[in-house]
């Protein structure tokens, strides 16, 4: 998943002709961590922007774009945290379809319907 921040950071780095390894050394982070931030696999560390600003001069416009990219990325990360991923351990297509349908519709169920389903699932 590419993030707005990751896209901004990679574009900035390439625009200046800086290799990923060189930027990682300047920022005192591993090149794999920097790469993971660019691809959206790692979150933005709290002190990263301060460290970045200390090492690279950016214009007011670039700074505004950076702040906007960070805000969008953090918003998306919050949305991702609110998601639940389920692994369905069956090769039965009917059961998989039922589970996915339930997951898509769960927010539309009334309290009464939710209680009825819960009662069914808790029966022994």
Protein backbone atom coordinates (compact mmCIF):
# COMPACT_ATOMS: atom_id res chain seq x y z
CA UNK A 1 0.00 0.00 0.00
CA UNK A 2 1.57 3.27 -1.08
CA UNK A 3 0.80 6.20 1.17
CA UNK A 4 0.71 9.91 0.39
CA UNK A 5 3.68 10.41 2.69
CA UNK A 6 5.61 7.58 1.04
CA UNK A 7 4.93 9.01 -2.42
CA UNK A 8 6.01 12.48 -1.28
CA UNK A 9 9.19 11.22 0.33
CA UNK A 10 10.23 9.09 -2.64
CA UNK A 11 9.46 11.90 -5.10
CA UNK A 12 11.52 14.34 -3.02
CA UNK A 13 14.44 11.91 -2.79
CA UNK A 14 14.44 11.16 -6.52
CA UNK A 15 13.98 14.82 -7.42
CA UNK A 16 17.21 15.61 -5.56
CA UNK A 17 18.95 12.56 -7.01
CA UNK A 18 19.55 11.05 -3.58
CA UNK A 19 19.92 7.30 -3.29
CA UNK A 20 17.80 5.55 -0.70
CA UNK A 21 20.93 4.32 1.10
CA UNK A 22 22.41 7.83 1.29
CA UNK A 23 19.20 9.37 2.65
CA UNK A 24 18.88 6.62 5.24
CA UNK A 25 22.42 7.29 6.48
CA UNK A 26 21.77 11.03 6.64
CA UNK A 27 18.58 10.45 8.64
CA UNK A 28 20.24 7.77 10.79
CA UNK A 29 17.73 5.04 9.96
CA UNK A 30 18.17 1.79 8.09
CA UNK A 31 17.64 1.79 4.34
CA UNK A 32 15.09 -1.01 4.76
CA UNK A 33 13.09 1.15 7.20
CA UNK A 34 13.21 4.13 4.83
CA UNK A 35 12.10 1.90 1.97
CA UNK A 36 9.26 0.54 4.12
CA UNK A 37 8.12 4.12 4.87
CA UNK A 38 8.16 4.95 1.16
CA UNK A 39 6.03 1.90 0.36
CA UNK A 40 3.67 2.43 3.30
CA UNK A 41 4.70 -0.68 5.19
CA UNK A 42 5.99 1.32 8.17
CA UNK A 43 4.42 4.26 9.97
CA UNK A 44 6.05 7.65 10.22
CA UNK A 45 8.14 7.87 13.42
CA UNK A 46 7.25 10.74 15.74
CA UNK A 47 10.59 12.55 15.38
CA UNK A 48 11.08 11.80 11.69
CA UNK A 49 9.87 15.15 10.31
CA UNK A 50 12.08 17.13 12.69
CA UNK A 51 15.09 15.03 11.71
CA UNK A 52 14.18 15.37 8.04
CA UNK A 53 13.84 19.18 8.26
CA UNK A 54 17.20 19.43 10.06
CA UNK A 55 18.94 17.59 7.24
CA UNK A 56 17.14 18.82 4.12
CA UNK A 57 16.12 22.33 3.16
CA UNK A 58 12.62 22.43 1.76
CA UNK A 59 10.50 25.30 0.53
CA UNK A 60 7.32 26.46 2.24
CA UNK A 61 5.32 24.81 -0.53
CA UNK A 62 7.19 21.53 -0.06
CA UNK A 63 6.66 21.74 3.69
CA UNK A 64 2.92 22.31 3.21
CA UNK A 65 2.77 19.34 0.82
CA UNK A 66 4.70 17.25 3.33
CA UNK A 67 2.32 18.15 6.17
CA UNK A 68 -0.69 17.36 3.98
CA UNK A 69 0.81 14.01 2.95
CA UNK A 70 1.47 13.13 6.59
CA UNK A 71 -2.08 14.06 7.60
CA UNK A 72 -3.59 11.95 4.82
CA UNK A 73 -1.33 9.02 5.66
CA UNK A 74 -2.13 9.13 9.36
CA UNK A 75 -5.85 9.34 8.56
CA UNK A 76 -5.58 6.26 6.35
CA UNK A 77 -3.61 4.43 9.05
CA UNK A 78 -6.42 5.10 11.52
CA UNK A 79 -8.95 3.69 9.08
CA UNK A 80 -6.80 0.59 8.64
CA UNK A 81 -6.56 0.08 12.40
CA UNK A 82 -10.35 0.02 12.61
CA UNK A 83 -10.56 -2.83 10.12
CA UNK A 84 -10.66 -6.46 11.10
CA UNK A 85 -9.03 -9.07 8.92
CA UNK A 86 -10.39 -12.59 9.13
CA UNK A 87 -8.86 -15.75 7.80
CA UNK A 88 -11.41 -18.36 6.89
CA UNK A 89 -9.88 -21.81 7.17
CA UNK A 90 -12.05 -23.73 4.78
CA UNK A 91 -12.00 -24.58 1.13
CA UNK A 92 -15.82 -24.72 1.07
CA UNK A 93 -16.85 -21.91 -1.29
CA UNK A 94 -20.35 -21.67 0.22
CA UNK A 95 -18.98 -21.07 3.71
CA UNK A 96 -16.47 -18.50 2.40
CA UNK A 97 -19.22 -16.69 0.53
CA UNK A 98 -21.45 -16.68 3.62
CA UNK A 99 -18.63 -15.29 5.79
CA UNK A 100 -17.80 -12.51 3.33
CA UNK A 101 -21.46 -11.60 2.90
CA UNK A 102 -21.88 -11.43 6.66
CA UNK A 103 -18.79 -9.23 7.01
CA UNK A 104 -20.04 -6.80 4.34
CA UNK A 105 -23.53 -6.52 5.83
CA UNK A 106 -22.84 -6.62 9.59
CA UNK A 107 -23.15 -2.85 10.04
CA UNK A 108 -26.59 -2.91 8.42
CA UNK A 109 -28.05 -5.43 10.89
CA UNK A 110 -30.43 -4.18 13.55
CA UNK A 111 -29.71 -4.85 17.22
CA UNK A 112 -32.39 -7.51 17.16
CA UNK A 113 -30.84 -9.25 14.17
CA UNK A 114 -27.39 -9.12 15.77
CA UNK A 115 -28.74 -10.69 18.97
CA UNK A 116 -30.51 -13.42 16.98
CA UNK A 117 -27.33 -14.29 15.08
CA UNK A 118 -25.29 -14.24 18.28
CA UNK A 119 -27.79 -16.61 19.90
CA UNK A 120 -27.52 -19.00 16.95
CA UNK A 121 -23.72 -18.92 17.07
CA UNK A 122 -23.62 -19.51 20.82
CA UNK A 123 -25.90 -22.56 20.69
CA UNK A 124 -24.16 -25.81 21.46
